[in-house]
Protein backbone atom coordinates (compact mmCIF):
# COMPACT_ATOMS: atom_id res chain seq x y z
CA MET A 1 60.57 174.28 -18.36
CA GLY A 2 64.02 175.32 -17.19
CA ARG A 3 64.33 172.37 -14.82
CA MET A 4 63.16 169.94 -17.54
CA SER A 5 65.79 171.35 -19.91
CA GLU A 6 68.48 171.09 -17.26
CA SER A 7 67.48 167.49 -16.55
CA LEU A 8 67.72 166.61 -20.25
CA ASN A 9 71.14 168.28 -20.41
CA ASP A 10 72.33 166.09 -17.55
CA ARG A 11 70.97 162.89 -19.08
CA VAL A 12 72.61 163.75 -22.41
CA LEU A 13 75.95 164.29 -20.65
CA ALA A 14 75.62 160.93 -18.89
CA LEU A 15 74.90 159.16 -22.20
CA ALA A 16 77.84 160.97 -23.77
CA GLY A 17 80.02 159.65 -20.96
CA MET A 18 78.83 156.13 -21.70
CA LEU A 19 79.52 156.43 -25.44
CA GLN A 20 82.91 158.04 -24.89
CA ALA A 21 83.92 155.02 -22.80
CA ILE A 22 82.49 152.60 -25.38
CA ARG A 23 84.44 154.38 -28.13
CA LEU A 24 87.62 153.88 -26.11
CA VAL A 25 86.79 150.18 -25.76
CA GLN A 26 86.56 149.94 -29.54
CA GLN A 27 89.85 151.78 -30.01
CA MET A 28 91.61 149.38 -27.65
CA ALA A 29 90.05 146.31 -29.26
CA ASP A 30 90.93 147.45 -32.79
CA ASN A 31 94.26 149.23 -32.29
CA GLY A 32 95.62 148.12 -28.93
CA GLN A 33 95.50 151.63 -27.47
CA ALA A 34 93.13 154.53 -26.85
CA GLU A 35 93.30 158.33 -26.82
CA THR A 36 94.82 159.40 -23.51
CA ARG A 37 92.73 162.46 -22.61
CA PRO A 38 89.27 160.94 -23.26
CA LEU A 39 90.43 157.86 -21.33
CA ALA A 40 91.53 159.98 -18.38
CA VAL A 41 88.13 161.73 -18.35
CA CYS A 42 86.24 158.43 -18.21
CA ILE A 43 88.44 156.87 -15.53
CA GLU A 44 88.43 159.98 -13.36
CA SER A 45 84.61 159.94 -13.40
CA LEU A 46 84.75 156.74 -11.34
CA PHE A 47 86.36 158.63 -8.48
CA ARG A 48 84.18 161.75 -8.41
CA PHE A 49 81.76 160.52 -5.76
CA ASP A 50 80.24 163.83 -4.69
CA ALA A 51 80.54 166.16 -7.67
CA GLU A 52 78.48 169.36 -7.68
CA SER A 53 77.02 168.73 -11.13
CA THR A 54 76.80 166.11 -13.86
CA ALA A 55 79.35 168.00 -15.97
CA ALA A 56 81.74 168.12 -13.00
CA ILE A 57 81.71 164.31 -12.77
CA PHE A 58 83.48 164.30 -16.13
CA GLY A 59 85.55 167.41 -15.45
CA SER A 60 83.62 169.68 -17.79
CA THR A 61 81.35 169.58 -20.82
CA ALA A 62 84.40 170.25 -22.98
CA ASP A 63 85.92 166.95 -21.80
CA LEU A 64 82.91 165.06 -23.19
CA GLN A 65 83.14 166.32 -26.77
CA PRO A 66 84.08 162.89 -28.23
CA GLY A 67 81.12 161.32 -26.44
CA LEU A 68 78.73 164.07 -27.50
CA ARG A 69 79.77 163.66 -31.13
CA ARG A 70 79.18 159.91 -30.90
CA LEU A 71 75.78 160.47 -29.28
CA VAL A 72 74.64 162.74 -32.11
CA ALA A 73 75.89 160.26 -34.73
CA GLN A 74 74.14 157.37 -33.00
CA LEU A 75 70.82 159.15 -32.51
CA ASP A 76 70.44 160.98 -35.83
CA GLY A 77 71.76 158.07 -37.88
CA SER A 78 74.55 160.09 -39.51
CA GLY A 79 77.21 157.69 -38.25
CA ARG A 80 75.42 154.96 -36.34
CA ASP A 81 77.74 152.16 -35.24
CA PRO A 82 75.95 148.81 -34.72
CA MET A 83 78.68 147.54 -32.39
CA GLN A 84 78.43 150.61 -30.17
CA THR A 85 74.66 150.19 -30.10
CA ARG A 86 75.01 146.56 -29.07
CA ILE A 87 77.51 147.33 -26.31
CA ALA A 88 75.31 150.18 -25.05
CA MET A 89 72.24 147.94 -24.90
CA SER A 90 74.24 145.29 -23.02
CA LEU A 91 75.32 147.91 -20.49
CA LEU A 92 71.77 149.19 -20.06
CA ASN A 93 70.67 145.65 -19.22
CA LEU A 94 73.67 145.13 -16.95
CA GLU A 95 72.82 148.30 -15.02
CA ARG A 96 69.43 146.86 -14.10
CA ARG A 97 71.06 143.77 -12.63
CA PHE A 98 73.69 145.85 -10.86
CA MET A 99 71.16 148.15 -9.17
CA LYS A 100 69.08 145.21 -7.95
CA LEU A 101 72.02 144.09 -5.82
CA PRO A 102 72.90 146.91 -3.39
CA GLY A 103 75.67 144.80 -1.88
CA ILE A 104 77.54 144.79 -5.19
CA ALA A 105 77.21 148.56 -5.53
CA ILE A 106 78.57 149.02 -1.99
CA ALA A 107 81.49 146.69 -2.70
CA VAL A 108 82.37 148.56 -5.90
CA ARG A 109 82.18 151.93 -4.15
CA SER A 110 84.39 150.67 -1.32
CA GLU A 111 87.06 149.39 -3.71
CA LEU A 112 87.00 152.65 -5.68
CA GLU A 113 87.55 154.57 -2.44
CA VAL A 114 90.58 152.36 -1.77
CA LEU A 115 91.93 153.02 -5.28
CA ALA A 116 91.25 156.79 -5.25
CA PRO A 117 94.65 157.72 -3.71
CA GLN A 118 96.38 155.62 -6.39
CA CYS A 119 94.53 157.55 -9.09
CA LEU A 120 95.52 160.83 -7.47
CA ALA A 121 99.16 159.87 -7.07
CA ASN A 122 99.87 158.14 -10.38
CA GLY A 123 97.17 159.52 -12.69
CA PRO A 124 93.99 157.94 -14.08
CA THR A 125 95.68 156.18 -17.03
CA HIS A 126 98.45 154.45 -15.07
CA PRO A 127 98.59 150.78 -16.11
CA ALA A 128 98.52 149.50 -12.52
CA LEU A 129 95.33 151.44 -11.79
CA LEU A 130 93.64 150.29 -15.00
CA THR A 131 94.54 146.70 -14.10
CA ARG A 132 92.97 147.05 -10.65
CA LEU A 133 89.84 148.57 -12.15
CA GLY A 134 89.69 145.78 -14.69
CA ASP A 135 89.94 143.23 -11.88
CA LEU A 136 87.13 145.02 -10.05
CA TYR A 137 84.91 144.75 -13.13
CA ALA A 138 85.82 141.08 -13.58
CA THR A 139 85.06 140.11 -9.99
CA GLN A 140 82.00 142.25 -9.25
CA ILE A 141 80.32 143.09 -12.57
CA SER A 142 81.05 140.24 -15.00
CA PRO A 143 79.35 137.60 -12.81
CA LEU A 144 76.08 139.55 -13.11
CA GLY A 145 76.04 138.40 -16.79
CA PRO A 146 75.43 138.08 -19.63
CA LYS A 147 78.90 139.27 -20.59
CA VAL A 148 79.41 142.34 -22.77
CA LEU A 149 80.89 140.93 -25.97
CA ILE A 150 83.73 142.92 -27.51
CA GLN A 151 84.91 142.34 -31.08
CA GLY A 152 88.26 143.48 -32.40
CA ASN A 153 91.76 142.37 -33.28
CA PRO A 154 92.43 138.97 -31.62
CA VAL A 155 96.11 139.90 -31.22
CA TYR A 156 95.16 142.71 -28.83
CA LEU A 157 92.21 141.01 -27.17
CA SER A 158 94.44 138.10 -26.17
CA GLN A 159 96.67 140.40 -24.09
CA PRO A 160 95.70 140.32 -20.39
CA ALA A 161 96.83 143.91 -19.78
CA LEU A 162 94.67 145.25 -22.62
CA VAL A 163 91.70 143.17 -21.52
CA GLY A 164 92.05 144.79 -18.11
CA GLU A 165 91.99 148.25 -19.70
CA VAL A 166 88.91 147.35 -21.71
CA ARG A 167 87.16 146.21 -18.53
CA ALA A 168 88.17 149.44 -16.78
CA CYS A 169 86.48 151.40 -19.58
CA LEU A 170 83.38 149.20 -19.34
CA LEU A 171 83.26 150.00 -15.61
CA ALA A 172 83.37 153.71 -16.45
CA ALA A 173 80.63 153.22 -19.06
CA LEU A 174 78.47 151.42 -16.51
CA ARG A 175 79.01 154.28 -14.05
CA SER A 176 77.61 156.65 -16.69
CA VAL A 177 74.59 154.39 -17.25
CA VAL A 178 73.90 154.31 -13.49
CA LEU A 179 74.16 158.12 -13.47
CA TRP A 180 71.78 158.40 -16.44
CA ARG A 181 69.23 156.24 -14.65
CA GLN A 182 69.60 158.24 -11.44
CA LEU A 183 68.87 161.39 -13.46
CA GLY A 184 65.56 159.91 -14.61
CA GLY A 185 66.72 158.28 -17.82
CA SER A 186 64.63 155.49 -19.32
CA TYR A 187 64.23 153.59 -22.57
CA TRP A 188 61.40 156.00 -23.45
CA ASP A 189 64.04 158.71 -23.92
CA PHE A 190 65.10 156.93 -27.11
CA VAL A 191 61.50 156.85 -28.35
CA TRP A 192 60.08 160.25 -27.41
CA SER A 193 63.15 162.44 -26.80
CA ARG A 194 65.53 161.40 -29.56
CA ARG A 195 65.32 164.70 -31.49
CA ALA A 196 65.51 166.74 -28.29
CA MET A 197 68.60 164.80 -27.18
CA VAL A 198 70.30 165.41 -30.54
CA GLU A 199 69.58 169.13 -30.33
CA THR A 200 70.77 169.24 -26.72
CA ALA A 201 74.00 167.40 -27.55
CA GLN A 202 74.64 169.72 -30.49
CA SER A 203 74.16 172.74 -28.25
CA LEU A 204 76.70 171.32 -25.78
CA MET A 205 79.31 170.63 -28.45
C-alpha cells in the first residue's frame, strides 16, 4: 500500500509539472510574460537528468504549488480550463509519438546536455537559453505533429522571442508527461484515480 501511495504521489507531481508549464504558456500568450519562479522550476527540470526523486526533478514539492493547484482545479471541476485541457491532451498524444522514436529522445537529451552549462551560468530564465530551448522544440518535437495550438493575444504571439519561450515551456511540459508515463501513468488514471489524485494533490499543497 505504501509503494502504491508513493507511486501515485510521484505521478501527481509529474502532472502538476505539466500543468505548471501549461499555465506559463497561457500567461505568455495572454500577457507577454510569465511568473519568473514557476518558469525557472519548469526549465530547470529539463536539466535534472539523474534526480534522486520525482520531487527533486522540480526542486521540491513546494516549487510545484502552482501546478498542484491547477491539477486540483482541473480534476475536481472547481476551475477547469478547457484550453489547458486541450493543450494537455495534445501533449499526451505528442508524448506517444516522441517515445516511439528513440533517436529523437537521444537527440533532445544530447542538446540539453550541451545547454546545461549555459543554464548553470546564466540561469534558467535567461532569454538566450529559452531561445535555444524553443529552437530545440521547433526542430525535434514540432515535426512529430500535430502541432500544439496556442491561443492568446496576437500581438504577443507574433513576437519570435516570445514564441521561443512558449516552445521552451512546451518542452518542459512534455518532459513532465514523459516522466508521468515512466512512473506508470496512463489514461485510466483520469477514469479510476481522479478522486485519489485530487486528494493526493491537496495533501501535497
